[in-house]
Amino acid sequence: MRSLRVDLGLDSGYLSRMLRSLERDGLVTLETDPDDRRVRVARRTAAGHAEQQALDRHSDRAAEALLAPLGPGQRARLLAAMADVERLLRASAVEIAEADADHPDVRRCLRTYYAELDARFEGGFDAAASYQDPGPQFRPPNGLFLLARLGAEPVAAPGCCSPPRASPRSSGCGSPGPSAAPGSAGGCSASWRRAPPPGARGRCGSTPTAR
């Protein structure tokens, strides 16, 4: 519910009343998160999905009416401009702050990063075999994690740490050497919980694997 409140910009009391009304109408269910009993989760019911689809059809018809006077080229230009506006607004809404390596959202980003590697590698990726606790390496003064949020949703957790010793194989941003942490490149790493915001790049200048 916190994500809904932040994304919609609603007062928590108003949102609670709205969700209770939707629950009475059979459109949503309100449940307690089994991983954190302080968190309540709202889920659409089958009736809620049907209601959303009906609203989407009304919205599509309204959009079609607006676009009907435009030619194919004009429609393409309008859609491209709308995509640019959405991308820039989303990028401007991202907030980045330092976070502890043990922060739950940092750990969630790391788990998603390893799951992405497992899905993309032909032979899979065994996180348990190569994982090591990032805590000591990614805390000041050795390094840090940055947590990027879009509203209440964590979207990325890039981390950077200093290699324990300098060597030709590990010198900051370059090829990973024996001292580099798993998932890192020369002491730099980045993990994404979902698709990175436009323009976001890894600390080594390359875009990290996106979920």
N, C-alpha and C. Protein backbone atom coordinates (compact mmCIF):
# COMPACT_ATOMS: atom_id res chain seq x y z
N MET A 1 0.82 -1.21 0.00
CA MET A 1 0.00 0.00 0.00
C MET A 1 0.86 1.25 0.00
N ARG A 2 2.06 1.15 0.57
CA ARG A 2 2.94 2.32 0.56
C ARG A 2 3.31 2.71 -0.86
N SER A 3 3.58 1.71 -1.70
CA SER A 3 3.92 2.00 -3.10
C SER A 3 2.76 2.70 -3.80
N LEU A 4 1.55 2.23 -3.56
CA LEU A 4 0.38 2.88 -4.15
C LEU A 4 0.26 4.33 -3.69
N ARG A 5 0.44 4.52 -2.39
CA ARG A 5 0.31 5.89 -1.85
C ARG A 5 1.32 6.83 -2.47
N VAL A 6 2.57 6.38 -2.61
CA VAL A 6 3.61 7.23 -3.17
C VAL A 6 3.39 7.45 -4.66
N ASP A 7 3.08 6.38 -5.39
CA ASP A 7 2.91 6.49 -6.84
C ASP A 7 1.72 7.38 -7.21
N LEU A 8 0.63 7.29 -6.42
CA LEU A 8 -0.57 8.07 -6.73
C LEU A 8 -0.58 9.43 -6.05
N GLY A 9 0.36 9.64 -5.11
CA GLY A 9 0.40 10.91 -4.40
C GLY A 9 -0.81 11.12 -3.51
N LEU A 10 -1.28 10.04 -2.87
CA LEU A 10 -2.49 10.12 -2.04
C LEU A 10 -2.14 10.10 -0.56
N ASP A 11 -3.00 10.74 0.21
CA ASP A 11 -2.89 10.67 1.66
C ASP A 11 -3.19 9.25 2.11
N SER A 12 -2.46 8.75 3.12
CA SER A 12 -2.62 7.36 3.55
C SER A 12 -4.04 7.08 4.03
N GLY A 13 -4.68 8.02 4.72
CA GLY A 13 -6.04 7.82 5.20
C GLY A 13 -7.03 7.73 4.05
N TYR A 14 -6.86 8.60 3.05
CA TYR A 14 -7.76 8.58 1.89
C TYR A 14 -7.59 7.29 1.11
N LEU A 15 -6.33 6.84 0.93
CA LEU A 15 -6.08 5.60 0.20
C LEU A 15 -6.70 4.41 0.93
N SER A 16 -6.58 4.37 2.26
CA SER A 16 -7.16 3.28 3.03
C SER A 16 -8.68 3.22 2.84
N ARG A 17 -9.33 4.38 2.87
CA ARG A 17 -10.79 4.39 2.68
C ARG A 17 -11.16 3.94 1.28
N MET A 18 -10.37 4.36 0.29
CA MET A 18 -10.65 3.97 -1.08
C MET A 18 -10.49 2.45 -1.27
N LEU A 19 -9.44 1.88 -0.68
CA LEU A 19 -9.21 0.45 -0.82
C LEU A 19 -10.28 -0.36 -0.08
N ARG A 20 -10.71 0.12 1.08
CA ARG A 20 -11.78 -0.58 1.79
C ARG A 20 -13.07 -0.58 0.98
N SER A 21 -13.33 0.52 0.28
CA SER A 21 -14.51 0.59 -0.57
C SER A 21 -14.41 -0.40 -1.73
N LEU A 22 -13.23 -0.47 -2.34
CA LEU A 22 -13.02 -1.42 -3.44
C LEU A 22 -13.11 -2.86 -2.93
N GLU A 23 -12.64 -3.08 -1.69
CA GLU A 23 -12.72 -4.42 -1.11
C GLU A 23 -14.18 -4.81 -0.88
N ARG A 24 -15.00 -3.88 -0.40
CA ARG A 24 -16.42 -4.16 -0.18
C ARG A 24 -17.13 -4.49 -1.49
N ASP A 25 -16.67 -3.87 -2.58
CA ASP A 25 -17.26 -4.13 -3.90
C ASP A 25 -16.71 -5.39 -4.54
N GLY A 26 -15.77 -6.07 -3.87
CA GLY A 26 -15.23 -7.31 -4.40
C GLY A 26 -14.21 -7.12 -5.50
N LEU A 27 -13.62 -5.92 -5.60
CA LEU A 27 -12.68 -5.64 -6.69
C LEU A 27 -11.22 -5.86 -6.28
N VAL A 28 -10.93 -5.80 -4.98
CA VAL A 28 -9.58 -6.04 -4.49
C VAL A 28 -9.65 -6.84 -3.20
N THR A 29 -8.53 -7.47 -2.87
CA THR A 29 -8.36 -8.09 -1.56
C THR A 29 -7.18 -7.40 -0.87
N LEU A 30 -7.25 -7.29 0.44
CA LEU A 30 -6.18 -6.69 1.23
C LEU A 30 -5.57 -7.78 2.10
N GLU A 31 -4.27 -8.00 1.95
CA GLU A 31 -3.60 -9.07 2.65
C GLU A 31 -2.35 -8.53 3.35
N THR A 32 -1.87 -9.29 4.32
CA THR A 32 -0.62 -8.97 4.99
C THR A 32 0.52 -9.68 4.30
N ASP A 33 1.60 -8.96 4.04
CA ASP A 33 2.77 -9.56 3.40
C ASP A 33 3.36 -10.62 4.33
N PRO A 34 3.49 -11.87 3.84
CA PRO A 34 4.02 -12.92 4.72
C PRO A 34 5.47 -12.69 5.14
N ASP A 35 6.23 -11.90 4.34
CA ASP A 35 7.63 -11.62 4.68
C ASP A 35 7.78 -10.45 5.64
N ASP A 36 6.77 -9.60 5.71
CA ASP A 36 6.83 -8.43 6.59
C ASP A 36 5.40 -8.08 6.99
N ARG A 37 5.01 -8.47 8.18
CA ARG A 37 3.62 -8.32 8.61
C ARG A 37 3.23 -6.86 8.82
N ARG A 38 4.19 -5.95 8.75
CA ARG A 38 3.86 -4.53 8.83
C ARG A 38 3.34 -4.02 7.49
N VAL A 39 3.54 -4.79 6.42
CA VAL A 39 3.19 -4.36 5.07
C VAL A 39 1.88 -5.00 4.64
N ARG A 40 0.98 -4.19 4.11
CA ARG A 40 -0.29 -4.70 3.57
C ARG A 40 -0.24 -4.63 2.05
N VAL A 41 -0.76 -5.67 1.40
CA VAL A 41 -0.70 -5.79 -0.06
C VAL A 41 -2.13 -5.80 -0.61
N ALA A 42 -2.38 -4.98 -1.61
CA ALA A 42 -3.68 -4.94 -2.29
C ALA A 42 -3.55 -5.70 -3.62
N ARG A 43 -4.47 -6.63 -3.85
CA ARG A 43 -4.46 -7.42 -5.09
C ARG A 43 -5.85 -7.35 -5.73
N ARG A 44 -5.85 -7.23 -7.07
CA ARG A 44 -7.11 -7.24 -7.80
C ARG A 44 -7.72 -8.64 -7.80
N THR A 45 -9.01 -8.72 -7.67
CA THR A 45 -9.73 -9.98 -7.81
C THR A 45 -10.07 -10.18 -9.29
N ALA A 46 -10.71 -11.32 -9.61
CA ALA A 46 -11.15 -11.56 -10.99
C ALA A 46 -12.11 -10.45 -11.43
N ALA A 47 -13.00 -10.05 -10.52
CA ALA A 47 -13.92 -8.95 -10.84
C ALA A 47 -13.16 -7.64 -11.04
N GLY A 48 -12.09 -7.46 -10.25
CA GLY A 48 -11.28 -6.26 -10.41
C GLY A 48 -10.58 -6.22 -11.75
N HIS A 49 -10.05 -7.37 -12.20
CA HIS A 49 -9.42 -7.44 -13.53
C HIS A 49 -10.43 -7.13 -14.62
N ALA A 50 -11.64 -7.68 -14.50
CA ALA A 50 -12.68 -7.43 -15.50
C ALA A 50 -13.04 -5.95 -15.55
N GLU A 51 -13.12 -5.32 -14.37
CA GLU A 51 -13.43 -3.89 -14.32
C GLU A 51 -12.32 -3.07 -14.96
N GLN A 52 -11.07 -3.45 -14.70
CA GLN A 52 -9.94 -2.74 -15.31
C GLN A 52 -9.97 -2.87 -16.83
N GLN A 53 -10.26 -4.05 -17.33
CA GLN A 53 -10.31 -4.25 -18.78
C GLN A 53 -11.40 -3.40 -19.41
N ALA A 54 -12.53 -3.28 -18.73
CA ALA A 54 -13.61 -2.43 -19.25
C ALA A 54 -13.17 -0.97 -19.29
N LEU A 55 -12.50 -0.52 -18.23
CA LEU A 55 -12.01 0.87 -18.22
C LEU A 55 -10.95 1.08 -19.29
N ASP A 56 -10.10 0.08 -19.52
CA ASP A 56 -9.08 0.19 -20.56
C ASP A 56 -9.72 0.33 -21.94
N ARG A 57 -10.81 -0.41 -22.17
CA ARG A 57 -11.49 -0.31 -23.47
C ARG A 57 -12.06 1.09 -23.67
N HIS A 58 -12.65 1.67 -22.62
CA HIS A 58 -13.17 3.04 -22.72
C HIS A 58 -12.03 4.02 -23.01
N SER A 59 -10.90 3.82 -22.33
CA SER A 59 -9.75 4.70 -22.54
C SER A 59 -9.21 4.58 -23.96
N ASP A 60 -9.16 3.34 -24.48
CA ASP A 60 -8.66 3.13 -25.84
C ASP A 60 -9.56 3.83 -26.86
N ARG A 61 -10.86 3.76 -26.66
CA ARG A 61 -11.78 4.42 -27.59
C ARG A 61 -11.62 5.94 -27.55
N ALA A 62 -11.40 6.48 -26.35
CA ALA A 62 -11.19 7.93 -26.23
C ALA A 62 -9.90 8.33 -26.94
N ALA A 63 -8.83 7.52 -26.79
CA ALA A 63 -7.56 7.83 -27.45
C ALA A 63 -7.71 7.73 -28.96
N GLU A 64 -8.44 6.72 -29.44
CA GLU A 64 -8.65 6.57 -30.89
C GLU A 64 -9.39 7.78 -31.46
N ALA A 65 -10.35 8.31 -30.70
CA ALA A 65 -11.09 9.49 -31.16
C ALA A 65 -10.17 10.70 -31.28
N LEU A 66 -9.23 10.84 -30.35
CA LEU A 66 -8.29 11.96 -30.41
C LEU A 66 -7.33 11.83 -31.59
N LEU A 67 -6.92 10.59 -31.91
CA LEU A 67 -5.93 10.37 -32.96
C LEU A 67 -6.55 10.29 -34.36
N ALA A 68 -7.86 10.09 -34.42
CA ALA A 68 -8.51 9.86 -35.71
C ALA A 68 -8.23 10.96 -36.74
N PRO A 69 -8.22 12.27 -36.37
CA PRO A 69 -7.97 13.31 -37.39
C PRO A 69 -6.52 13.34 -37.92
N LEU A 70 -5.60 12.65 -37.25
CA LEU A 70 -4.19 12.72 -37.62
C LEU A 70 -3.83 11.65 -38.65
N GLY A 71 -2.90 12.01 -39.54
CA GLY A 71 -2.40 11.06 -40.50
C GLY A 71 -1.37 10.14 -39.87
N PRO A 72 -0.95 9.07 -40.58
CA PRO A 72 0.02 8.12 -40.02
C PRO A 72 1.31 8.79 -39.56
N GLY A 73 1.84 9.72 -40.33
CA GLY A 73 3.08 10.39 -39.95
C GLY A 73 2.91 11.24 -38.70
N GLN A 74 1.78 11.93 -38.62
CA GLN A 74 1.51 12.76 -37.44
C GLN A 74 1.35 11.91 -36.19
N ARG A 75 0.69 10.75 -36.34
CA ARG A 75 0.52 9.86 -35.19
C ARG A 75 1.88 9.35 -34.70
N ALA A 76 2.74 8.99 -35.64
CA ALA A 76 4.06 8.49 -35.26
C ALA A 76 4.84 9.56 -34.51
N ARG A 77 4.77 10.82 -34.99
CA ARG A 77 5.49 11.91 -34.31
C ARG A 77 4.93 12.15 -32.92
N LEU A 78 3.59 12.10 -32.79
CA LEU A 78 2.97 12.33 -31.49
C LEU A 78 3.35 11.23 -30.50
N LEU A 79 3.32 9.97 -30.94
CA LEU A 79 3.66 8.86 -30.05
C LEU A 79 5.13 8.93 -29.63
N ALA A 80 6.01 9.31 -30.57
CA ALA A 80 7.43 9.44 -30.23
C ALA A 80 7.64 10.55 -29.21
N ALA A 81 6.93 11.66 -29.38
CA ALA A 81 7.06 12.78 -28.43
C ALA A 81 6.54 12.38 -27.05
N MET A 82 5.43 11.64 -27.03
CA MET A 82 4.88 11.19 -25.74
C MET A 82 5.84 10.23 -25.05
N ALA A 83 6.50 9.37 -25.82
CA ALA A 83 7.47 8.45 -25.23
C ALA A 83 8.65 9.21 -24.64
N ASP A 84 9.10 10.26 -25.33
CA ASP A 84 10.20 11.08 -24.81
C ASP A 84 9.80 11.76 -23.51
N VAL A 85 8.59 12.31 -23.47
CA VAL A 85 8.12 12.99 -22.25
C VAL A 85 8.06 12.01 -21.09
N GLU A 86 7.51 10.81 -21.31
CA GLU A 86 7.41 9.82 -20.24
C GLU A 86 8.79 9.41 -19.76
N ARG A 87 9.72 9.18 -20.70
CA ARG A 87 11.06 8.74 -20.32
C ARG A 87 11.77 9.81 -19.50
N LEU A 88 11.66 11.07 -19.90
CA LEU A 88 12.33 12.14 -19.18
C LEU A 88 11.71 12.37 -17.80
N LEU A 89 10.39 12.27 -17.71
CA LEU A 89 9.73 12.45 -16.42
C LEU A 89 10.10 11.33 -15.46
N ARG A 90 10.18 10.08 -15.97
CA ARG A 90 10.57 8.97 -15.11
C ARG A 90 12.01 9.14 -14.63
N ALA A 91 12.89 9.56 -15.53
CA ALA A 91 14.29 9.75 -15.14
C ALA A 91 14.42 10.84 -14.08
N SER A 92 13.62 11.91 -14.20
CA SER A 92 13.71 13.01 -13.23
C SER A 92 13.15 12.62 -11.87
N ALA A 93 12.32 11.56 -11.84
CA ALA A 93 11.70 11.15 -10.57
C ALA A 93 12.56 10.17 -9.79
N VAL A 94 13.65 9.68 -10.38
CA VAL A 94 14.51 8.72 -9.69
C VAL A 94 15.31 9.43 -8.60
N GLU A 95 15.29 8.87 -7.40
CA GLU A 95 16.07 9.41 -6.28
C GLU A 95 17.13 8.40 -5.89
N ILE A 96 18.36 8.87 -5.67
CA ILE A 96 19.49 8.00 -5.36
C ILE A 96 20.08 8.41 -4.01
N ALA A 97 20.29 7.43 -3.16
CA ALA A 97 20.86 7.69 -1.83
C ALA A 97 21.75 6.52 -1.43
N GLU A 98 22.72 6.79 -0.58
CA GLU A 98 23.59 5.72 -0.07
C GLU A 98 22.77 4.78 0.81
N ALA A 99 23.05 3.49 0.70
CA ALA A 99 22.32 2.49 1.49
C ALA A 99 23.29 1.45 2.01
N ASP A 100 22.96 0.88 3.15
CA ASP A 100 23.79 -0.17 3.73
C ASP A 100 23.67 -1.45 2.90
N ALA A 101 24.75 -2.23 2.88
CA ALA A 101 24.76 -3.47 2.11
C ALA A 101 23.71 -4.45 2.58
N ASP A 102 23.27 -4.34 3.84
CA ASP A 102 22.27 -5.25 4.38
C ASP A 102 20.84 -4.73 4.24
N HIS A 103 20.68 -3.57 3.60
CA HIS A 103 19.33 -3.04 3.43
C HIS A 103 18.50 -4.04 2.62
N PRO A 104 17.26 -4.33 3.03
CA PRO A 104 16.44 -5.32 2.32
C PRO A 104 16.29 -5.04 0.83
N ASP A 105 16.17 -3.76 0.46
CA ASP A 105 15.99 -3.44 -0.95
C ASP A 105 17.27 -3.67 -1.75
N VAL A 106 18.42 -3.44 -1.12
CA VAL A 106 19.69 -3.75 -1.78
C VAL A 106 19.79 -5.24 -2.03
N ARG A 107 19.44 -6.03 -1.02
CA ARG A 107 19.50 -7.49 -1.16
C ARG A 107 18.53 -7.97 -2.23
N ARG A 108 17.36 -7.36 -2.31
CA ARG A 108 16.39 -7.74 -3.34
C ARG A 108 16.94 -7.45 -4.73
N CYS A 109 17.59 -6.31 -4.89
CA CYS A 109 18.19 -5.99 -6.19
C CYS A 109 19.28 -7.00 -6.55
N LEU A 110 20.08 -7.39 -5.57
CA LEU A 110 21.14 -8.36 -5.83
C LEU A 110 20.56 -9.72 -6.23
N ARG A 111 19.50 -10.13 -5.53
CA ARG A 111 18.88 -11.42 -5.87
C ARG A 111 18.33 -11.40 -7.29
N THR A 112 17.72 -10.27 -7.67
CA THR A 112 17.16 -10.17 -9.02
C THR A 112 18.27 -10.15 -10.07
N TYR A 113 19.38 -9.50 -9.72
CA TYR A 113 20.54 -9.45 -10.62
C TYR A 113 21.06 -10.87 -10.89
N TYR A 114 21.21 -11.66 -9.83
CA TYR A 114 21.70 -13.03 -10.00
C TYR A 114 20.69 -13.87 -10.77
N ALA A 115 19.40 -13.65 -10.54
CA ALA A 115 18.37 -14.39 -11.29
C ALA A 115 18.43 -14.03 -12.77
N GLU A 116 18.73 -12.76 -13.07
CA GLU A 116 18.86 -12.34 -14.47
C GLU A 116 20.05 -13.02 -15.13
N LEU A 117 21.17 -13.09 -14.41
CA LEU A 117 22.33 -13.79 -14.95
C LEU A 117 21.99 -15.25 -15.22
N ASP A 118 21.27 -15.87 -14.30
CA ASP A 118 20.91 -17.28 -14.46
C ASP A 118 20.03 -17.48 -15.69
N ALA A 119 19.13 -16.52 -15.96
CA ALA A 119 18.24 -16.64 -17.11
C ALA A 119 18.96 -16.38 -18.42
N ARG A 120 19.97 -15.50 -18.41
CA ARG A 120 20.64 -15.10 -19.64
C ARG A 120 21.78 -16.03 -20.04
N PHE A 121 22.48 -16.61 -19.06
CA PHE A 121 23.60 -17.49 -19.38
C PHE A 121 23.07 -18.83 -19.88
N GLU A 122 23.66 -19.32 -20.95
CA GLU A 122 23.19 -20.57 -21.54
C GLU A 122 23.28 -21.72 -20.54
N GLY A 123 24.35 -21.75 -19.77
CA GLY A 123 24.51 -22.80 -18.78
C GLY A 123 23.99 -22.43 -17.41
N GLY A 124 23.28 -21.32 -17.32
CA GLY A 124 22.77 -20.87 -16.03
C GLY A 124 23.86 -20.20 -15.20
N PHE A 125 23.49 -19.72 -14.04
CA PHE A 125 24.42 -19.05 -13.14
C PHE A 125 24.12 -19.50 -11.72
N ASP A 126 25.08 -20.14 -11.09
CA ASP A 126 24.91 -20.64 -9.72
C ASP A 126 25.38 -19.57 -8.75
N ALA A 127 24.44 -18.78 -8.26
CA ALA A 127 24.80 -17.70 -7.33
C ALA A 127 25.41 -18.25 -6.05
N ALA A 128 24.92 -19.40 -5.59
CA ALA A 128 25.41 -19.97 -4.34
C ALA A 128 26.88 -20.34 -4.44
N ALA A 129 27.34 -20.74 -5.64
CA ALA A 129 28.72 -21.16 -5.81
C ALA A 129 29.68 -19.99 -5.90
N SER A 130 29.20 -18.84 -6.38
CA SER A 130 30.09 -17.71 -6.59
C SER A 130 29.80 -16.52 -5.69
N TYR A 131 28.73 -16.60 -4.92
CA TYR A 131 28.31 -15.46 -4.08
C TYR A 131 29.18 -15.34 -2.84
N GLN A 132 29.54 -14.12 -2.51
CA GLN A 132 30.17 -13.85 -1.22
C GLN A 132 29.52 -12.62 -0.63
N ASP A 133 29.48 -12.56 0.69
CA ASP A 133 28.80 -11.48 1.38
C ASP A 133 29.42 -10.14 0.98
N PRO A 134 28.62 -9.24 0.37
CA PRO A 134 29.19 -7.96 -0.05
C PRO A 134 29.36 -6.97 1.08
N GLY A 135 28.85 -7.28 2.27
CA GLY A 135 28.85 -6.32 3.36
C GLY A 135 30.18 -5.67 3.66
N PRO A 136 31.24 -6.44 4.02
CA PRO A 136 32.51 -5.81 4.40
C PRO A 136 33.13 -4.97 3.29
N GLN A 137 33.02 -5.45 2.03
CA GLN A 137 33.64 -4.74 0.92
C GLN A 137 32.89 -3.47 0.54
N PHE A 138 31.56 -3.49 0.71
CA PHE A 138 30.74 -2.39 0.22
C PHE A 138 30.25 -1.49 1.34
N ARG A 139 31.09 -1.31 2.37
CA ARG A 139 30.81 -0.34 3.41
C ARG A 139 31.98 0.62 3.53
N PRO A 140 31.71 1.90 3.82
CA PRO A 140 32.82 2.86 3.99
C PRO A 140 33.77 2.36 5.07
N PRO A 141 35.08 2.57 4.93
CA PRO A 141 35.70 3.34 3.85
C PRO A 141 36.09 2.50 2.64
N ASN A 142 35.73 1.21 2.63
CA ASN A 142 36.12 0.34 1.53
C ASN A 142 35.26 0.53 0.29
N GLY A 143 34.01 0.90 0.47
CA GLY A 143 33.11 1.06 -0.66
C GLY A 143 31.73 1.44 -0.19
N LEU A 144 30.75 1.36 -1.08
CA LEU A 144 29.39 1.71 -0.71
C LEU A 144 28.40 1.17 -1.74
N PHE A 145 27.14 1.12 -1.33
CA PHE A 145 26.03 0.84 -2.22
C PHE A 145 25.20 2.10 -2.36
N LEU A 146 24.68 2.33 -3.56
CA LEU A 146 23.71 3.39 -3.79
C LEU A 146 22.39 2.73 -4.17
N LEU A 147 21.31 3.19 -3.56
CA LEU A 147 19.99 2.63 -3.84
C LEU A 147 19.18 3.65 -4.63
N ALA A 148 18.76 3.26 -5.83
CA ALA A 148 17.95 4.13 -6.68
C ALA A 148 16.49 3.73 -6.54
N ARG A 149 15.63 4.73 -6.35
CA ARG A 149 14.20 4.47 -6.19
C ARG A 149 13.41 5.30 -7.19
N LEU A 150 12.36 4.68 -7.70
CA LEU A 150 11.38 5.40 -8.51
C LEU A 150 10.09 5.39 -7.70
N GLY A 151 9.81 6.51 -7.03
CA GLY A 151 8.74 6.52 -6.05
C GLY A 151 9.16 5.68 -4.86
N ALA A 152 8.33 4.72 -4.49
CA ALA A 152 8.67 3.83 -3.37
C ALA A 152 9.34 2.56 -3.86
N GLU A 153 9.49 2.41 -5.17
CA GLU A 153 9.99 1.16 -5.73
C GLU A 153 11.50 1.21 -5.95
N PRO A 154 12.25 0.27 -5.37
CA PRO A 154 13.69 0.22 -5.66
C PRO A 154 13.90 -0.30 -7.08
N VAL A 155 14.73 0.39 -7.87
CA VAL A 155 14.95 -0.02 -9.25
C VAL A 155 16.39 -0.44 -9.52
N ALA A 156 17.32 -0.04 -8.67
CA ALA A 156 18.72 -0.40 -8.90
C ALA A 156 19.52 -0.24 -7.63
N ALA A 157 20.61 -1.03 -7.53
CA ALA A 157 21.51 -0.92 -6.38
C ALA A 157 22.94 -1.07 -6.87
N PRO A 158 23.49 -0.02 -7.52
CA PRO A 158 24.89 -0.09 -7.94
C PRO A 158 25.81 0.01 -6.74
N GLY A 159 26.92 -0.73 -6.79
CA GLY A 159 27.88 -0.70 -5.70
C GLY A 159 29.29 -0.55 -6.24
N CYS A 160 30.16 0.03 -5.44
CA CYS A 160 31.55 0.19 -5.84
C CYS A 160 32.43 -0.02 -4.61
N CYS A 161 33.54 -0.77 -4.81
CA CYS A 161 34.46 -0.99 -3.71
C CYS A 161 35.89 -0.90 -4.22
N SER A 162 36.79 -0.59 -3.31
CA SER A 162 38.20 -0.51 -3.66
C SER A 162 38.82 -1.90 -3.63
N PRO A 163 39.59 -2.28 -4.66
CA PRO A 163 40.26 -3.58 -4.62
C PRO A 163 41.27 -3.62 -3.48
N PRO A 164 41.39 -4.73 -2.79
CA PRO A 164 42.33 -4.83 -1.67
C PRO A 164 43.76 -4.52 -2.06
N ARG A 165 44.15 -4.84 -3.28
CA ARG A 165 45.51 -4.55 -3.70
C ARG A 165 45.49 -4.24 -5.19
N ALA A 166 46.38 -3.37 -5.61
CA ALA A 166 46.46 -3.01 -7.01
C ALA A 166 47.27 -4.04 -7.76
N SER A 167 46.84 -4.33 -8.98
CA SER A 167 47.58 -5.25 -9.84
C SER A 167 47.22 -4.95 -11.27
N PRO A 168 48.01 -5.40 -12.26
CA PRO A 168 47.69 -5.14 -13.65
C PRO A 168 46.33 -5.69 -14.04
N ARG A 169 45.84 -6.73 -13.32
CA ARG A 169 44.57 -7.33 -13.68
C ARG A 169 43.39 -6.65 -13.01
N SER A 170 43.64 -5.84 -11.99
CA SER A 170 42.55 -5.18 -11.28
C SER A 170 42.97 -3.78 -10.90
N SER A 171 42.45 -2.79 -11.63
CA SER A 171 42.89 -1.41 -11.40
C SER A 171 41.71 -0.46 -11.54
N GLY A 172 40.77 -0.59 -10.61
CA GLY A 172 39.63 0.33 -10.65
C GLY A 172 38.58 -0.14 -11.63
N CYS A 173 38.43 0.56 -12.76
CA CYS A 173 37.44 0.21 -13.77
C CYS A 173 38.14 -0.47 -14.92
N GLY A 174 38.04 -1.76 -15.00
CA GLY A 174 38.69 -2.50 -16.06
C GLY A 174 38.28 -3.94 -15.98
N SER A 175 39.16 -4.83 -16.38
CA SER A 175 38.84 -6.25 -16.32
C SER A 175 38.87 -6.73 -14.88
N PRO A 176 37.91 -7.58 -14.50
CA PRO A 176 37.89 -8.05 -13.12
C PRO A 176 39.11 -8.89 -12.81
N GLY A 177 39.74 -8.58 -11.69
CA GLY A 177 40.90 -9.35 -11.27
C GLY A 177 40.54 -10.29 -10.16
N PRO A 178 41.52 -10.93 -9.56
CA PRO A 178 41.21 -11.90 -8.51
C PRO A 178 40.59 -11.27 -7.28
N SER A 179 40.75 -9.94 -7.12
CA SER A 179 40.22 -9.31 -5.92
C SER A 179 38.83 -8.74 -6.13
N ALA A 180 38.30 -8.82 -7.35
CA ALA A 180 37.00 -8.23 -7.62
C ALA A 180 35.89 -9.09 -7.04
N ALA A 181 34.85 -8.43 -6.54
CA ALA A 181 33.71 -9.15 -5.98
C ALA A 181 32.89 -9.77 -7.09
N PRO A 182 32.14 -10.87 -6.80
CA PRO A 182 31.30 -11.49 -7.81
C PRO A 182 30.32 -10.48 -8.39
N GLY A 183 30.13 -10.52 -9.71
CA GLY A 183 29.22 -9.59 -10.37
C GLY A 183 29.82 -8.22 -10.54
N SER A 184 31.15 -8.08 -10.32
CA SER A 184 31.75 -6.76 -10.43
C SER A 184 32.77 -6.73 -11.55
N ALA A 185 33.14 -5.51 -11.94
CA ALA A 185 34.18 -5.32 -12.95
C ALA A 185 35.21 -4.39 -12.35
N GLY A 186 36.35 -4.93 -11.96
CA GLY A 186 37.39 -4.12 -11.34
C GLY A 186 36.92 -3.39 -10.11
N GLY A 187 36.10 -4.01 -9.30
CA GLY A 187 35.62 -3.36 -8.08
C GLY A 187 34.31 -2.63 -8.25
N CYS A 188 33.75 -2.61 -9.48
CA CYS A 188 32.48 -1.94 -9.71
C CYS A 188 31.41 -2.96 -10.04
N SER A 189 30.21 -2.75 -9.54
CA SER A 189 29.11 -3.66 -9.85
C SER A 189 27.81 -2.89 -9.84
N ALA A 190 26.80 -3.49 -10.46
CA ALA A 190 25.47 -2.88 -10.44
C ALA A 190 24.43 -3.97 -10.57
N SER A 191 23.38 -3.86 -9.79
CA SER A 191 22.29 -4.85 -9.86
C SER A 191 20.99 -4.09 -10.01
N TRP A 192 20.13 -4.60 -10.90
CA TRP A 192 18.88 -3.94 -11.21
C TRP A 192 17.72 -4.83 -10.83
N ARG A 193 16.72 -4.26 -10.18
CA ARG A 193 15.54 -5.04 -9.81
C ARG A 193 14.55 -5.07 -10.97
N ARG A 194 14.54 -4.04 -11.79
CA ARG A 194 13.73 -4.02 -13.00
C ARG A 194 14.46 -3.17 -14.01
N ALA A 195 13.85 -2.88 -15.17
CA ALA A 195 14.55 -2.15 -16.22
C ALA A 195 15.10 -0.84 -15.66
N PRO A 196 16.39 -0.51 -15.93
CA PRO A 196 16.98 0.71 -15.39
C PRO A 196 16.34 1.93 -16.00
N PRO A 197 16.29 3.04 -15.27
CA PRO A 197 15.72 4.26 -15.82
C PRO A 197 16.55 4.76 -16.98
N PRO A 198 15.93 5.45 -17.96
CA PRO A 198 16.66 5.93 -19.12
C PRO A 198 17.86 6.77 -18.72
N GLY A 199 18.96 6.55 -19.39
CA GLY A 199 20.16 7.32 -19.13
C GLY A 199 21.01 6.82 -17.99
N ALA A 200 20.49 5.83 -17.21
CA ALA A 200 21.28 5.31 -16.09
C ALA A 200 22.38 4.41 -16.63
N ARG A 201 23.60 4.53 -16.08
CA ARG A 201 24.72 3.75 -16.54
C ARG A 201 25.51 3.23 -15.35
N GLY A 202 26.26 2.18 -15.58
CA GLY A 202 27.09 1.62 -14.53
C GLY A 202 28.25 2.53 -14.21
N ARG A 203 28.89 2.28 -13.07
CA ARG A 203 29.99 3.13 -12.66
C ARG A 203 31.19 3.01 -13.59
N CYS A 204 31.28 1.92 -14.37
CA CYS A 204 32.39 1.75 -15.30
C CYS A 204 32.05 2.30 -16.68
N GLY A 205 30.89 2.94 -16.83
CA GLY A 205 30.53 3.54 -18.10
C GLY A 205 29.72 2.63 -19.00
N SER A 206 29.43 1.41 -18.56
CA SER A 206 28.63 0.49 -19.36
C SER A 206 27.31 0.23 -18.66
N THR A 207 26.26 0.01 -19.45
CA THR A 207 24.95 -0.21 -18.87
C THR A 207 24.86 -1.60 -18.29
N PRO A 208 24.50 -1.75 -17.01
CA PRO A 208 24.40 -3.07 -16.38
C PRO A 208 23.27 -3.88 -16.98
N THR A 209 23.33 -5.19 -16.76
CA THR A 209 22.26 -6.07 -17.17
C THR A 209 20.95 -5.63 -16.53
N ALA A 210 19.88 -5.50 -17.34
CA ALA A 210 18.61 -5.00 -16.83
C ALA A 210 17.62 -6.12 -16.68
N ARG A 211 16.79 -5.98 -15.69
CA ARG A 211 15.71 -6.95 -15.46
C ARG A 211 14.44 -6.38 -16.05
